[in-house]
Structures are given as structure tokens and as C-alpha cells.
Amino acid sequence: MTADLEEKTNRYGELLAEALAEATVAPPEGTPMAEAAAECYEMAESYLEDGTHFREQDDLVNALASFSYGHAWLDAGARVGLFDVPTEGHLFTV
């Protein structure tokens, strides 16, 4: 079971990092929606950092949770139009 958790944690960490690299703020700069997008992006980045820290401490459960929460921030933002994201592939559910 530990091997499965480790593989899944690594996969989700890589998925979040890739999703962060692909997501760009969609609303025009200086608008309230652009500010909301920036906040969502910052949350996702913070969860990536937290997950990386937890993984380095061998706390795979919290690492996986952090990576999952981070991706949820991006995915939700993409669904409501805060981010331009690829519509093909495995990164987003748009």
C-alpha cells in the first residue's frame, strides 16, 4: 500500500506542477476577476509548495492532500473562466 501511495503522491505532484505551468490568467489585468484568478493561482502554488514539503518529510498523506487541493483550485478556476487552459489532455476537466 505504501508503494501505491508514493506513486500516487508523486503523480499528483507532477500533475499540479504541469497544470500550474499551463494555466494563464484569462480576465483582463486590473479587473476584479484577474485579481481572483491571481489569488486562486497563488493558492495552487502554495499547495504545491506545502505538498513538496510534506513529501520531503515522508508525510505522503498530507502531501497527496496538498497536491489534490492545489489542483482543485486551478481546476475550479478554469471551469469558471479565470484561467485559459488546454482543453485537450489530462490536466483539466473543462
C-alpha atoms as a PDB file:
ATOM      1  CA  MET A   1       0.000   0.000   0.000  1.00  0.00           C
ATOM      2  CA  THR A   2       2.873   2.414   0.755  1.00  0.00           C
ATOM      3  CA  ALA A   3       4.194   1.980  -2.785  1.00  0.00           C
ATOM      4  CA  ASP A   4       0.764   2.864  -4.193  1.00  0.00           C
ATOM      5  CA  LEU A   5       0.557   5.966  -2.008  1.00  0.00           C
ATOM      6  CA  GLU A   6       4.049   7.033  -3.004  1.00  0.00           C
ATOM      7  CA  GLU A   7       3.332   6.579  -6.724  1.00  0.00           C
ATOM      8  CA  LYS A   8       0.038   8.460  -6.489  1.00  0.00           C
ATOM      9  CA  THR A   9       1.585  11.279  -4.466  1.00  0.00           C
ATOM     10  CA  ASN A  10       4.388  11.700  -6.990  1.00  0.00           C
ATOM     11  CA  ARG A  11       1.945  11.579  -9.899  1.00  0.00           C
ATOM     12  CA  TYR A  12      -0.354  14.201  -8.355  1.00  0.00           C
ATOM     13  CA  GLY A  13       2.600  16.462  -7.540  1.00  0.00           C
ATOM     14  CA  GLU A  14       3.776  16.294 -11.135  1.00  0.00           C
ATOM     15  CA  LEU A  15       0.224  16.878 -12.383  1.00  0.00           C
ATOM     16  CA  LEU A  16      -0.149  20.012 -10.256  1.00  0.00           C
ATOM     17  CA  ALA A  17       3.223  21.384 -11.364  1.00  0.00           C
ATOM     18  CA  GLU A  18       2.324  20.774 -15.005  1.00  0.00           C
ATOM     19  CA  ALA A  19      -1.122  22.338 -14.579  1.00  0.00           C
ATOM     20  CA  LEU A  20       0.411  25.439 -12.988  1.00  0.00           C
ATOM     21  CA  ALA A  21       2.754  25.778 -15.951  1.00  0.00           C
ATOM     22  CA  GLU A  22      -0.133  25.569 -18.420  1.00  0.00           C
ATOM     23  CA  ALA A  23      -2.693  27.825 -16.715  1.00  0.00           C
ATOM     24  CA  THR A  24      -2.696  31.525 -17.573  1.00  0.00           C
ATOM     25  CA  VAL A  25      -4.915  34.256 -16.183  1.00  0.00           C
ATOM     26  CA  ALA A  26      -7.812  34.814 -18.572  1.00  0.00           C
ATOM     27  CA  PRO A  27      -9.521  38.055 -17.405  1.00  0.00           C
ATOM     28  CA  PRO A  28      -8.024  41.431 -18.325  1.00  0.00           C
ATOM     29  CA  GLU A  29      -5.340  42.728 -15.993  1.00  0.00           C
ATOM     30  CA  GLY A  30      -6.579  45.152 -13.358  1.00  0.00           C
ATOM     31  CA  THR A  31     -10.077  43.683 -13.160  1.00  0.00           C
ATOM     32  CA  PRO A  32     -11.589  42.041 -10.080  1.00  0.00           C
ATOM     33  CA  MET A  33     -11.717  38.725 -11.945  1.00  0.00           C
ATOM     34  CA  ALA A  34      -7.995  38.943 -12.722  1.00  0.00           C
ATOM     35  CA  GLU A  35      -7.374  39.511  -9.016  1.00  0.00           C
ATOM     36  CA  ALA A  36      -9.488  36.457  -8.208  1.00  0.00           C
ATOM     37  CA  ALA A  37      -7.513  34.416 -10.734  1.00  0.00           C
ATOM     38  CA  ALA A  38      -4.226  35.568  -9.215  1.00  0.00           C
ATOM     39  CA  GLU A  39      -5.444  34.539  -5.751  1.00  0.00           C
ATOM     40  CA  CYS A  40      -6.510  31.094  -6.997  1.00  0.00           C
ATOM     41  CA  TYR A  41      -3.178  30.641  -8.751  1.00  0.00           C
ATOM     42  CA  GLU A  42      -1.323  31.664  -5.595  1.00  0.00           C
ATOM     43  CA  MET A  43      -3.318  29.131  -3.558  1.00  0.00           C
ATOM     44  CA  ALA A  44      -2.420  26.374  -6.030  1.00  0.00           C
ATOM     45  CA  GLU A  45       1.264  27.343  -5.885  1.00  0.00           C
ATOM     46  CA  SER A  46       1.158  27.353  -2.088  1.00  0.00           C
ATOM     47  CA  TYR A  47      -0.378  23.889  -2.014  1.00  0.00           C
ATOM     48  CA  LEU A  48       2.361  22.664  -4.371  1.00  0.00           C
ATOM     49  CA  GLU A  49       4.988  24.048  -2.000  1.00  0.00           C
ATOM     50  CA  ASP A  50       3.221  22.526   1.016  1.00  0.00           C
ATOM     51  CA  GLY A  51       2.903  19.160  -0.709  1.00  0.00           C
ATOM     52  CA  THR A  52       6.577  19.206  -1.651  1.00  0.00           C
ATOM     53  CA  HIS A  53       7.485  19.960   1.970  1.00  0.00           C
ATOM     54  CA  PHE A  54       5.275  17.148   3.264  1.00  0.00           C
ATOM     55  CA  ARG A  55       6.713  14.707   0.713  1.00  0.00           C
ATOM     56  CA  GLU A  56      10.260  15.628   1.791  1.00  0.00           C
ATOM     57  CA  GLN A  57       9.194  14.833   5.385  1.00  0.00           C
ATOM     58  CA  ASP A  58       7.822  11.437   4.244  1.00  0.00           C
ATOM     59  CA  ASP A  59       4.291  12.589   5.108  1.00  0.00           C
ATOM     60  CA  LEU A  60       2.711  11.210   1.957  1.00  0.00           C
ATOM     61  CA  VAL A  61      -0.894  11.525   3.107  1.00  0.00           C
ATOM     62  CA  ASN A  62      -0.640  15.277   3.663  1.00  0.00           C
ATOM     63  CA  ALA A  63       1.471  15.682   0.527  1.00  0.00           C
ATOM     64  CA  LEU A  64      -1.187  13.979  -1.579  1.00  0.00           C
ATOM     65  CA  ALA A  65      -3.929  16.046   0.051  1.00  0.00           C
ATOM     66  CA  SER A  66      -1.997  19.262  -0.626  1.00  0.00           C
ATOM     67  CA  PHE A  67      -1.397  18.399  -4.272  1.00  0.00           C
ATOM     68  CA  SER A  68      -5.067  17.489  -4.691  1.00  0.00           C
ATOM     69  CA  TYR A  69      -6.299  20.709  -3.088  1.00  0.00           C
ATOM     70  CA  GLY A  70      -3.911  22.758  -5.210  1.00  0.00           C
ATOM     71  CA  HIS A  71      -5.158  21.171  -8.390  1.00  0.00           C
ATOM     72  CA  ALA A  72      -8.749  21.719  -7.284  1.00  0.00           C
ATOM     73  CA  TRP A  73      -8.098  25.470  -7.030  1.00  0.00           C
ATOM     74  CA  LEU A  74      -6.822  25.527 -10.605  1.00  0.00           C
ATOM     75  CA  ASP A  75      -9.497  23.241 -11.972  1.00  0.00           C
ATOM     76  CA  ALA A  76     -12.317  25.243 -10.378  1.00  0.00           C
ATOM     77  CA  GLY A  77     -10.791  28.478 -11.651  1.00  0.00           C
ATOM     78  CA  ALA A  78     -10.578  27.047 -15.153  1.00  0.00           C
ATOM     79  CA  ARG A  79     -14.222  25.938 -15.013  1.00  0.00           C
ATOM     80  CA  VAL A  80     -15.434  29.457 -14.159  1.00  0.00           C
ATOM     81  CA  GLY A  81     -13.195  31.168 -16.715  1.00  0.00           C
ATOM     82  CA  LEU A  82     -10.422  32.523 -14.522  1.00  0.00           C
ATOM     83  CA  PHE A  83      -7.753  30.620 -16.446  1.00  0.00           C
ATOM     84  CA  ASP A  84      -7.016  29.792 -20.038  1.00  0.00           C
ATOM     85  CA  VAL A  85      -6.053  26.126 -20.030  1.00  0.00           C
ATOM     86  CA  PRO A  86      -5.626  23.346 -22.578  1.00  0.00           C
ATOM     87  CA  THR A  87      -8.962  21.739 -23.330  1.00  0.00           C
ATOM     88  CA  GLU A  88      -7.376  18.518 -24.547  1.00  0.00           C
ATOM     89  CA  GLY A  89      -5.427  16.149 -22.378  1.00  0.00           C
ATOM     90  CA  HIS A  90      -5.413  15.132 -18.753  1.00  0.00           C
ATOM     91  CA  LEU A  91      -4.736  18.350 -16.851  1.00  0.00           C
ATOM     92  CA  PHE A  92      -8.155  19.955 -16.519  1.00  0.00           C
ATOM     93  CA  THR A  93     -11.822  18.939 -16.553  1.00  0.00           C
ATOM     94  CA  VAL A  94     -13.038  21.638 -18.916  1.00  0.00           C
END
